[in-house]
Amino acid sequence: MRSMNTAGPAANEARTDTQQPAHVAPSDRRTTRGSTVMRRISMAACLFVAACGGADDGEPDPVAWTDMSFAERTTYMNNVVMPRMKEVFVAYDAKYASMDCTTCHGDDAVERAYAMPNPQIAPLLGEEEFPEWVSDPEHPERMEWTDFMYNQVVPEMADLLQVARYDPMTGTGEFSCNNCHTVEDVEP
């Protein structure tokens, strides 16, 4: 009995092995046939998953930060925000390897119900004083730190909290530096 070769396109008629082109070695036919079968199985599986809407893992759709209860926010902070922000800060400076909730929320976080902004972290100067302070040539670390906070921390936190980042050019957005830092009152 002759075996059938169905390695050709599905629209073509199947050919017997004796009709296979002479340039294809017998060992290549098995590899080609196996590859074609696997591609067809993979394509069928992808189509099945797409048609069914993907796997239902039984988990509810994610809840937006603004709609979370205190318990849900606590879980989200511990499982998502803290690990991600720790990565961001450690990549900037290894001294943040011991970062924990109090790093941002302060030593009195529990008493304050983790409310932000936190008066224990460095207060910021007002919008008029800040540019001069940050660009002081005697303190180049201020510009580096500000660049890190503005270009890495703020966007990452805004994304994690699912809120728009504040845009100083348009005055739109919800999340900015003063969501974490208090603003220092400066006497004229």
N, C-alpha and C. Protein backbone atom coordinates (compact mmCIF):
# COMPACT_ATOMS: atom_id res chain seq x y z
N MET A 1 0.84 -1.18 0.00
CA MET A 1 0.00 0.00 0.00
C MET A 1 0.88 1.24 0.00
N ARG A 2 0.53 2.19 -0.81
CA ARG A 2 1.31 3.43 -0.89
C ARG A 2 0.78 4.42 0.14
N SER A 3 1.70 5.19 0.78
CA SER A 3 1.26 6.21 1.74
C SER A 3 0.93 7.48 0.98
N MET A 4 0.07 8.29 1.56
CA MET A 4 -0.36 9.53 0.93
C MET A 4 0.47 10.69 1.47
N ASN A 5 0.86 11.60 0.64
CA ASN A 5 1.58 12.81 1.03
C ASN A 5 0.61 13.97 0.92
N THR A 6 0.29 14.56 2.04
CA THR A 6 -0.64 15.70 2.05
C THR A 6 0.08 16.98 2.42
N ALA A 7 1.39 17.04 2.15
CA ALA A 7 2.17 18.21 2.53
C ALA A 7 1.89 19.42 1.67
N GLY A 8 1.28 19.24 0.53
CA GLY A 8 0.97 20.36 -0.34
C GLY A 8 -0.18 21.17 0.21
N PRO A 9 -0.50 22.32 -0.42
CA PRO A 9 -1.62 23.15 0.03
C PRO A 9 -2.91 22.35 0.06
N ALA A 10 -3.82 22.71 0.93
CA ALA A 10 -5.05 21.98 1.12
C ALA A 10 -5.88 21.92 -0.16
N ALA A 11 -5.75 22.87 -1.05
CA ALA A 11 -6.54 22.90 -2.27
C ALA A 11 -6.03 21.91 -3.31
N ASN A 12 -4.78 21.46 -3.18
CA ASN A 12 -4.22 20.51 -4.14
C ASN A 12 -4.67 19.10 -3.82
N GLU A 13 -4.64 18.26 -4.85
CA GLU A 13 -4.93 16.85 -4.66
C GLU A 13 -3.75 16.21 -3.93
N ALA A 14 -4.02 15.24 -3.08
CA ALA A 14 -2.94 14.51 -2.42
C ALA A 14 -2.21 13.68 -3.47
N ARG A 15 -0.90 13.52 -3.30
CA ARG A 15 -0.09 12.74 -4.22
C ARG A 15 0.45 11.52 -3.51
N THR A 16 0.70 10.47 -4.24
CA THR A 16 1.35 9.31 -3.64
C THR A 16 2.82 9.61 -3.54
N ASP A 17 3.53 8.85 -2.71
CA ASP A 17 4.97 9.05 -2.54
C ASP A 17 5.72 8.94 -3.86
N THR A 18 5.25 8.08 -4.72
CA THR A 18 5.95 7.92 -6.00
C THR A 18 5.80 9.14 -6.87
N GLN A 19 4.81 10.01 -6.59
CA GLN A 19 4.62 11.21 -7.39
C GLN A 19 5.35 12.41 -6.81
N GLN A 20 6.00 12.24 -5.67
CA GLN A 20 6.75 13.32 -5.01
C GLN A 20 7.90 13.73 -5.92
N PRO A 21 8.20 15.03 -6.02
CA PRO A 21 9.33 15.47 -6.85
C PRO A 21 10.60 14.76 -6.45
N ALA A 22 11.44 14.49 -7.40
CA ALA A 22 12.67 13.72 -7.19
C ALA A 22 13.65 14.42 -6.26
N HIS A 23 13.61 15.75 -6.17
CA HIS A 23 14.60 16.48 -5.37
C HIS A 23 14.32 16.40 -3.87
N VAL A 24 13.19 15.85 -3.44
CA VAL A 24 12.86 15.77 -2.02
C VAL A 24 13.26 14.40 -1.51
N ALA A 25 14.21 14.35 -0.61
CA ALA A 25 14.66 13.08 -0.04
C ALA A 25 13.60 12.52 0.89
N PRO A 26 13.54 11.19 1.05
CA PRO A 26 12.53 10.59 1.92
C PRO A 26 12.55 11.15 3.34
N SER A 27 13.74 11.42 3.92
CA SER A 27 13.78 11.95 5.30
C SER A 27 13.20 13.36 5.35
N ASP A 28 13.36 14.14 4.28
CA ASP A 28 12.79 15.48 4.23
C ASP A 28 11.28 15.44 4.19
N ARG A 29 10.71 14.39 3.52
CA ARG A 29 9.27 14.29 3.43
C ARG A 29 8.64 14.13 4.81
N ARG A 30 9.28 13.34 5.67
CA ARG A 30 8.74 13.15 7.01
C ARG A 30 8.79 14.45 7.82
N THR A 31 9.88 15.19 7.72
CA THR A 31 10.01 16.46 8.41
C THR A 31 8.99 17.46 7.89
N THR A 32 8.85 17.52 6.59
CA THR A 32 7.88 18.43 5.99
C THR A 32 6.47 18.06 6.43
N ARG A 33 6.14 16.77 6.37
CA ARG A 33 4.82 16.32 6.76
C ARG A 33 4.56 16.65 8.24
N GLY A 34 5.55 16.39 9.10
CA GLY A 34 5.39 16.69 10.53
C GLY A 34 5.24 18.18 10.79
N SER A 35 6.02 18.99 10.07
CA SER A 35 5.94 20.43 10.23
C SER A 35 4.59 20.95 9.79
N THR A 36 4.09 20.42 8.68
CA THR A 36 2.79 20.85 8.17
C THR A 36 1.69 20.48 9.13
N VAL A 37 1.74 19.27 9.64
CA VAL A 37 0.73 18.83 10.61
C VAL A 37 0.75 19.73 11.84
N MET A 38 1.95 20.03 12.35
CA MET A 38 2.05 20.88 13.54
C MET A 38 1.54 22.30 13.26
N ARG A 39 1.85 22.83 12.08
CA ARG A 39 1.36 24.16 11.74
C ARG A 39 -0.17 24.17 11.68
N ARG A 40 -0.73 23.12 11.11
CA ARG A 40 -2.18 23.05 10.99
C ARG A 40 -2.83 22.89 12.37
N ILE A 41 -2.23 22.10 13.22
CA ILE A 41 -2.76 21.93 14.58
C ILE A 41 -2.66 23.26 15.33
N SER A 42 -1.52 23.94 15.21
CA SER A 42 -1.34 25.23 15.89
C SER A 42 -2.35 26.25 15.40
N MET A 43 -2.56 26.27 14.06
CA MET A 43 -3.52 27.23 13.52
C MET A 43 -4.92 26.92 14.02
N ALA A 44 -5.29 25.64 14.05
CA ALA A 44 -6.62 25.26 14.53
C ALA A 44 -6.79 25.64 16.00
N ALA A 45 -5.74 25.44 16.81
CA ALA A 45 -5.82 25.80 18.23
C ALA A 45 -5.98 27.31 18.40
N CYS A 46 -5.23 28.09 17.62
CA CYS A 46 -5.34 29.55 17.71
C CYS A 46 -6.74 30.02 17.31
N LEU A 47 -7.26 29.44 16.24
CA LEU A 47 -8.61 29.81 15.80
C LEU A 47 -9.65 29.43 16.85
N PHE A 48 -9.47 28.27 17.48
CA PHE A 48 -10.41 27.84 18.52
C PHE A 48 -10.38 28.80 19.70
N VAL A 49 -9.17 29.17 20.16
CA VAL A 49 -9.04 30.10 21.29
C VAL A 49 -9.63 31.45 20.93
N ALA A 50 -9.35 31.93 19.72
CA ALA A 50 -9.90 33.23 19.30
C ALA A 50 -11.42 33.19 19.22
N ALA A 51 -11.96 32.10 18.70
CA ALA A 51 -13.41 31.99 18.58
C ALA A 51 -14.09 31.90 19.93
N CYS A 52 -13.41 31.31 20.88
CA CYS A 52 -14.00 31.14 22.21
C CYS A 52 -13.73 32.33 23.12
N GLY A 53 -12.95 33.29 22.67
CA GLY A 53 -12.67 34.46 23.49
C GLY A 53 -11.53 34.26 24.46
N GLY A 54 -10.73 33.24 24.27
CA GLY A 54 -9.59 33.00 25.14
C GLY A 54 -9.98 32.17 26.34
N ALA A 55 -9.00 31.89 27.16
CA ALA A 55 -9.24 31.06 28.34
C ALA A 55 -9.96 31.87 29.41
N ASP A 56 -10.94 31.25 30.02
CA ASP A 56 -11.64 31.89 31.14
C ASP A 56 -11.02 31.36 32.41
N ASP A 57 -10.20 32.18 33.02
CA ASP A 57 -9.52 31.73 34.22
C ASP A 57 -10.34 31.94 35.48
N GLY A 58 -11.57 32.37 35.31
CA GLY A 58 -12.46 32.54 36.45
C GLY A 58 -12.22 33.81 37.24
N GLU A 59 -11.21 34.59 36.86
CA GLU A 59 -10.92 35.82 37.60
C GLU A 59 -11.79 36.96 37.07
N PRO A 60 -12.24 37.82 37.95
CA PRO A 60 -13.04 38.96 37.50
C PRO A 60 -12.19 39.96 36.73
N ASP A 61 -12.83 40.80 35.93
CA ASP A 61 -12.10 41.85 35.23
C ASP A 61 -11.44 42.76 36.26
N PRO A 62 -10.27 43.34 35.92
CA PRO A 62 -9.60 44.23 36.86
C PRO A 62 -10.47 45.44 37.20
N VAL A 63 -10.34 45.88 38.43
CA VAL A 63 -11.10 47.03 38.93
C VAL A 63 -10.19 48.25 38.85
N ALA A 64 -10.72 49.36 38.40
CA ALA A 64 -9.95 50.60 38.33
C ALA A 64 -9.60 51.06 39.75
N TRP A 65 -8.44 51.68 39.89
CA TRP A 65 -7.96 52.15 41.19
C TRP A 65 -9.03 52.99 41.90
N THR A 66 -9.64 53.89 41.17
CA THR A 66 -10.63 54.78 41.78
C THR A 66 -11.85 54.03 42.29
N ASP A 67 -12.10 52.83 41.75
CA ASP A 67 -13.26 52.04 42.16
C ASP A 67 -12.94 50.97 43.20
N MET A 68 -11.67 50.85 43.58
CA MET A 68 -11.26 49.81 44.54
C MET A 68 -11.63 50.19 45.96
N SER A 69 -11.94 49.17 46.73
CA SER A 69 -12.14 49.36 48.16
C SER A 69 -10.76 49.49 48.81
N PHE A 70 -10.72 49.85 50.09
CA PHE A 70 -9.44 49.97 50.79
C PHE A 70 -8.71 48.63 50.77
N ALA A 71 -9.43 47.54 51.00
CA ALA A 71 -8.81 46.20 51.01
C ALA A 71 -8.26 45.86 49.62
N GLU A 72 -9.00 46.19 48.57
CA GLU A 72 -8.51 45.92 47.21
C GLU A 72 -7.29 46.77 46.89
N ARG A 73 -7.30 48.02 47.34
CA ARG A 73 -6.14 48.88 47.10
C ARG A 73 -4.91 48.35 47.84
N THR A 74 -5.11 47.88 49.05
CA THR A 74 -4.00 47.33 49.83
C THR A 74 -3.40 46.12 49.12
N THR A 75 -4.25 45.24 48.64
CA THR A 75 -3.77 44.05 47.91
C THR A 75 -3.05 44.47 46.63
N TYR A 76 -3.62 45.39 45.89
CA TYR A 76 -3.02 45.86 44.65
C TYR A 76 -1.67 46.53 44.92
N MET A 77 -1.61 47.34 45.95
CA MET A 77 -0.34 47.98 46.31
C MET A 77 0.73 46.94 46.64
N ASN A 78 0.36 45.96 47.44
CA ASN A 78 1.33 44.93 47.85
C ASN A 78 1.75 44.02 46.72
N ASN A 79 0.82 43.66 45.85
CA ASN A 79 1.10 42.67 44.81
C ASN A 79 1.55 43.24 43.48
N VAL A 80 1.20 44.49 43.20
CA VAL A 80 1.51 45.07 41.89
C VAL A 80 2.38 46.32 42.01
N VAL A 81 1.88 47.33 42.73
CA VAL A 81 2.58 48.62 42.78
C VAL A 81 3.93 48.51 43.48
N MET A 82 3.96 47.97 44.66
CA MET A 82 5.21 47.91 45.42
C MET A 82 6.31 47.14 44.67
N PRO A 83 6.04 45.94 44.17
CA PRO A 83 7.12 45.24 43.44
C PRO A 83 7.60 46.02 42.21
N ARG A 84 6.69 46.60 41.46
CA ARG A 84 7.09 47.33 40.26
C ARG A 84 7.88 48.60 40.59
N MET A 85 7.41 49.36 41.55
CA MET A 85 8.11 50.59 41.90
C MET A 85 9.46 50.30 42.56
N LYS A 86 9.53 49.21 43.29
CA LYS A 86 10.82 48.82 43.86
C LYS A 86 11.82 48.53 42.74
N GLU A 87 11.38 47.86 41.68
CA GLU A 87 12.24 47.63 40.51
C GLU A 87 12.74 48.95 39.92
N VAL A 88 11.82 49.90 39.76
CA VAL A 88 12.17 51.19 39.17
C VAL A 88 13.20 51.91 40.03
N PHE A 89 12.96 51.96 41.35
CA PHE A 89 13.87 52.66 42.25
C PHE A 89 15.22 51.96 42.37
N VAL A 90 15.23 50.64 42.45
CA VAL A 90 16.50 49.90 42.57
C VAL A 90 17.32 50.05 41.29
N ALA A 91 16.66 50.10 40.14
CA ALA A 91 17.39 50.32 38.89
C ALA A 91 18.08 51.68 38.90
N TYR A 92 17.48 52.65 39.57
CA TYR A 92 18.06 53.98 39.69
C TYR A 92 19.19 53.99 40.73
N ASP A 93 18.94 53.35 41.89
CA ASP A 93 19.92 53.35 42.97
C ASP A 93 19.69 52.11 43.84
N ALA A 94 20.70 51.28 43.95
CA ALA A 94 20.60 50.02 44.70
C ALA A 94 20.24 50.22 46.18
N LYS A 95 20.39 51.44 46.70
CA LYS A 95 20.06 51.67 48.11
C LYS A 95 18.57 51.43 48.38
N TYR A 96 17.75 51.36 47.32
CA TYR A 96 16.32 51.14 47.50
C TYR A 96 15.94 49.66 47.54
N ALA A 97 16.93 48.79 47.66
CA ALA A 97 16.66 47.35 47.75
C ALA A 97 15.81 47.01 48.97
N SER A 98 15.89 47.83 50.00
CA SER A 98 15.10 47.58 51.22
C SER A 98 13.79 48.38 51.23
N MET A 99 13.44 48.93 50.10
CA MET A 99 12.22 49.74 49.99
C MET A 99 11.01 48.94 50.46
N ASP A 100 10.17 49.62 51.24
CA ASP A 100 8.91 49.02 51.67
C ASP A 100 7.84 50.11 51.70
N CYS A 101 6.68 49.79 52.24
CA CYS A 101 5.55 50.74 52.23
C CYS A 101 5.89 52.08 52.88
N THR A 102 6.69 52.04 53.93
CA THR A 102 7.00 53.27 54.65
C THR A 102 7.90 54.21 53.85
N THR A 103 8.60 53.70 52.84
CA THR A 103 9.45 54.55 52.02
C THR A 103 8.64 55.69 51.42
N CYS A 104 7.46 55.39 50.95
CA CYS A 104 6.61 56.41 50.34
C CYS A 104 5.51 56.90 51.28
N HIS A 105 4.95 56.00 52.06
CA HIS A 105 3.80 56.36 52.89
C HIS A 105 4.18 56.85 54.29
N GLY A 106 5.43 56.67 54.69
CA GLY A 106 5.89 57.20 55.97
C GLY A 106 5.73 56.22 57.12
N ASP A 107 6.42 56.56 58.23
CA ASP A 107 6.38 55.71 59.43
C ASP A 107 5.00 55.66 60.06
N ASP A 108 4.20 56.67 59.82
CA ASP A 108 2.86 56.73 60.41
C ASP A 108 1.78 56.34 59.39
N ALA A 109 2.16 55.53 58.40
CA ALA A 109 1.24 55.17 57.31
C ALA A 109 -0.04 54.52 57.82
N VAL A 110 0.08 53.62 58.77
CA VAL A 110 -1.11 52.93 59.28
C VAL A 110 -2.05 53.92 59.95
N GLU A 111 -1.50 54.78 60.79
CA GLU A 111 -2.33 55.78 61.48
C GLU A 111 -3.00 56.74 60.50
N ARG A 112 -2.33 57.03 59.40
CA ARG A 112 -2.90 57.95 58.41
C ARG A 112 -3.67 57.20 57.32
N ALA A 113 -3.88 55.91 57.49
CA ALA A 113 -4.57 55.06 56.52
C ALA A 113 -3.91 55.15 55.13
N TYR A 114 -2.58 55.25 55.14
CA TYR A 114 -1.77 55.31 53.93
C TYR A 114 -2.09 56.50 53.02
N ALA A 115 -2.65 57.53 53.59
CA ALA A 115 -3.03 58.72 52.82
C ALA A 115 -1.81 59.37 52.19
N MET A 116 -2.00 59.91 51.02
CA MET A 116 -0.95 60.63 50.31
C MET A 116 -1.51 62.00 49.96
N PRO A 117 -0.72 63.03 49.85
CA PRO A 117 0.74 63.05 49.94
C PRO A 117 1.21 62.82 51.37
N ASN A 118 2.46 62.41 51.46
CA ASN A 118 3.07 62.09 52.73
C ASN A 118 3.96 63.25 53.20
N PRO A 119 3.64 63.85 54.34
CA PRO A 119 4.46 64.96 54.82
C PRO A 119 5.86 64.55 55.27
N GLN A 120 6.13 63.25 55.39
CA GLN A 120 7.46 62.79 55.81
C GLN A 120 8.47 62.72 54.68
N ILE A 121 8.01 62.68 53.43
CA ILE A 121 9.00 62.68 52.34
C ILE A 121 9.26 64.13 51.94
N ALA A 122 10.38 64.36 51.32
CA ALA A 122 10.84 65.72 51.02
C ALA A 122 9.76 66.57 50.37
N PRO A 123 9.43 67.70 51.01
CA PRO A 123 8.45 68.59 50.39
C PRO A 123 9.07 69.28 49.17
N LEU A 124 8.22 69.64 48.23
CA LEU A 124 8.68 70.34 47.03
C LEU A 124 8.43 71.82 47.19
N LEU A 125 9.25 72.59 46.51
CA LEU A 125 9.03 74.03 46.45
C LEU A 125 7.90 74.31 45.47
N GLY A 126 7.34 75.48 45.56
CA GLY A 126 6.28 75.88 44.63
C GLY A 126 6.78 75.97 43.20
N GLU A 127 5.87 76.09 42.26
CA GLU A 127 6.22 76.11 40.84
C GLU A 127 7.18 77.23 40.46
N GLU A 128 7.12 78.34 41.15
CA GLU A 128 8.01 79.45 40.82
C GLU A 128 9.42 79.23 41.35
N GLU A 129 9.55 78.64 42.53
CA GLU A 129 10.86 78.46 43.16
C GLU A 129 11.57 77.17 42.70
N PHE A 130 10.81 76.19 42.32
CA PHE A 130 11.38 74.87 42.02
C PHE A 130 12.41 74.90 40.89
N PRO A 131 12.16 75.53 39.74
CA PRO A 131 13.16 75.51 38.66
C PRO A 131 14.53 76.05 39.08
N GLU A 132 14.54 77.11 39.87
CA GLU A 132 15.82 77.66 40.32
C GLU A 132 16.51 76.69 41.26
N TRP A 133 15.75 76.09 42.17
CA TRP A 133 16.31 75.14 43.13
C TRP A 133 16.90 73.93 42.42
N VAL A 134 16.17 73.37 41.45
CA VAL A 134 16.61 72.15 40.78
C VAL A 134 17.81 72.40 39.87
N SER A 135 17.95 73.58 39.33
CA SER A 135 19.06 73.86 38.40
C SER A 135 20.28 74.49 39.08
N ASP A 136 20.32 74.50 40.39
CA ASP A 136 21.46 75.05 41.13
C ASP A 136 22.73 74.28 40.75
N PRO A 137 23.73 74.95 40.15
CA PRO A 137 24.94 74.25 39.70
C PRO A 137 25.74 73.62 40.84
N GLU A 138 25.54 74.08 42.05
CA GLU A 138 26.25 73.48 43.19
C GLU A 138 25.62 72.15 43.62
N HIS A 139 24.44 71.82 43.06
CA HIS A 139 23.74 70.59 43.42
C HIS A 139 23.24 69.87 42.16
N PRO A 140 24.16 69.31 41.35
CA PRO A 140 23.74 68.64 40.11
C PRO A 140 22.87 67.40 40.36
N GLU A 141 22.97 66.84 41.54
CA GLU A 141 22.16 65.67 41.86
C GLU A 141 20.67 65.99 41.88
N ARG A 142 20.33 67.23 42.10
CA ARG A 142 18.92 67.62 42.10
C ARG A 142 18.29 67.44 40.72
N MET A 143 19.00 67.82 39.69
CA MET A 143 18.49 67.68 38.33
C MET A 143 18.36 66.19 37.97
N GLU A 144 19.37 65.41 38.34
CA GLU A 144 19.33 63.97 38.07
C GLU A 144 18.14 63.32 38.79
N TRP A 145 17.95 63.65 40.05
CA TRP A 145 16.85 63.09 40.84
C TRP A 145 15.50 63.54 40.25
N THR A 146 15.39 64.80 39.91
CA THR A 146 14.15 65.33 39.35
C THR A 146 13.84 64.65 38.02
N ASP A 147 14.84 64.46 37.19
CA ASP A 147 14.66 63.79 35.91
C ASP A 147 14.15 62.36 36.13
N PHE A 148 14.74 61.65 37.08
CA PHE A 148 14.30 60.29 37.41
C PHE A 148 12.84 60.28 37.87
N MET A 149 12.54 61.17 38.80
CA MET A 149 11.18 61.20 39.33
C MET A 149 10.16 61.57 38.24
N TYR A 150 10.47 62.59 37.47
CA TYR A 150 9.53 63.10 36.47
C TYR A 150 9.36 62.15 35.27
N ASN A 151 10.46 61.54 34.83
CA ASN A 151 10.41 60.72 33.61
C ASN A 151 10.23 59.23 33.85
N GLN A 152 10.43 58.78 35.10
CA GLN A 152 10.26 57.36 35.37
C GLN A 152 9.21 57.08 36.43
N VAL A 153 9.31 57.74 37.57
CA VAL A 153 8.40 57.45 38.68
C VAL A 153 6.98 57.93 38.40
N VAL A 154 6.84 59.18 38.02
CA VAL A 154 5.50 59.73 37.79
C VAL A 154 4.74 58.97 36.70
N PRO A 155 5.34 58.73 35.52
CA PRO A 155 4.59 57.99 34.50
C PRO A 155 4.23 56.57 34.94
N GLU A 156 5.16 55.90 35.62
CA GLU A 156 4.91 54.52 36.06
C GLU A 156 3.77 54.48 37.08
N MET A 157 3.80 55.39 38.05
CA MET A 157 2.72 55.43 39.04
C MET A 157 1.39 55.79 38.40
N ALA A 158 1.39 56.73 37.49
CA ALA A 158 0.14 57.10 36.80
C ALA A 158 -0.43 55.88 36.08
N ASP A 159 0.42 55.13 35.41
CA ASP A 159 -0.04 53.92 34.72
C ASP A 159 -0.57 52.89 35.71
N LEU A 160 0.17 52.67 36.78
CA LEU A 160 -0.25 51.67 37.78
C LEU A 160 -1.57 52.05 38.44
N LEU A 161 -1.78 53.34 38.65
CA LEU A 161 -3.02 53.80 39.28
C LEU A 161 -4.12 54.06 38.25
N GLN A 162 -3.80 53.87 36.99
CA GLN A 162 -4.77 54.01 35.90
C GLN A 162 -5.38 55.41 35.85
N VAL A 163 -4.52 56.41 36.03
CA VAL A 163 -4.96 57.80 35.93
C VAL A 163 -4.03 58.53 34.97
N ALA A 164 -4.52 59.59 34.39
CA ALA A 164 -3.72 60.36 33.44
C ALA A 164 -2.62 61.11 34.17
N ARG A 165 -1.45 61.12 33.58
CA ARG A 165 -0.32 61.87 34.11
C ARG A 165 -0.58 63.36 33.88
N TYR A 166 -0.24 64.17 34.86
CA TYR A 166 -0.40 65.61 34.73
C TYR A 166 0.55 66.14 33.66
N ASP A 167 0.02 66.98 32.78
CA ASP A 167 0.81 67.61 31.73
C ASP A 167 0.90 69.09 32.06
N PRO A 168 2.07 69.58 32.46
CA PRO A 168 2.19 70.99 32.84
C PRO A 168 1.96 71.96 31.68
N MET A 169 2.11 71.48 30.46
CA MET A 169 1.91 72.35 29.30
C MET A 169 0.42 72.64 29.07
N THR A 170 -0.42 71.63 29.31
CA THR A 170 -1.85 71.80 29.07
C THR A 170 -2.65 71.97 30.36
N GLY A 171 -2.01 71.64 31.49
CA GLY A 171 -2.72 71.71 32.78
C GLY A 171 -3.75 70.60 32.94
N THR A 172 -3.61 69.54 32.16
CA THR A 172 -4.55 68.42 32.25
C THR A 172 -3.88 67.21 32.88
N GLY A 173 -4.68 66.30 33.36
CA GLY A 173 -4.16 65.08 33.98
C GLY A 173 -4.32 65.13 35.48
N GLU A 174 -4.22 63.97 36.08
CA GLU A 174 -4.50 63.86 37.51
C GLU A 174 -3.28 63.57 38.38
N PHE A 175 -2.29 62.86 37.84
CA PHE A 175 -1.19 62.40 38.70
C PHE A 175 0.06 63.21 38.45
N SER A 176 0.61 63.78 39.53
CA SER A 176 1.84 64.55 39.42
C SER A 176 2.65 64.39 40.70
N CYS A 177 3.71 65.15 40.80
CA CYS A 177 4.62 65.09 41.95
C CYS A 177 3.88 65.29 43.27
N ASN A 178 2.92 66.21 43.27
CA ASN A 178 2.26 66.53 44.54
C ASN A 178 1.19 65.50 44.95
N ASN A 179 1.10 64.39 44.24
CA ASN A 179 0.29 63.29 44.74
C ASN A 179 1.04 62.53 45.82
N CYS A 180 2.36 62.65 45.82
CA CYS A 180 3.19 61.98 46.82
C CYS A 180 3.87 62.98 47.76
N HIS A 181 4.32 64.09 47.19
CA HIS A 181 5.03 65.11 47.96
C HIS A 181 4.09 66.26 48.34
N THR A 182 4.30 66.80 49.53
CA THR A 182 3.61 68.03 49.88
C THR A 182 4.36 69.18 49.22
N VAL A 183 3.73 70.32 49.10
CA VAL A 183 4.36 71.51 48.54
C VAL A 183 4.66 72.46 49.68
N GLU A 184 5.89 72.87 49.76
CA GLU A 184 6.35 73.74 50.86
C GLU A 184 5.89 75.17 50.61
N ASP A 185 5.36 75.77 51.63
CA ASP A 185 5.00 77.19 51.54
C ASP A 185 6.27 78.02 51.68
N VAL A 186 6.44 78.91 50.75
CA VAL A 186 7.63 79.77 50.76
C VAL A 186 7.18 81.19 51.03
N GLU A 187 7.80 81.80 52.02
CA GLU A 187 7.49 83.19 52.35
C GLU A 187 8.06 84.10 51.29
N PRO A 188 7.31 85.10 50.83
CA PRO A 188 7.85 86.04 49.82
C PRO A 188 8.94 86.91 50.40
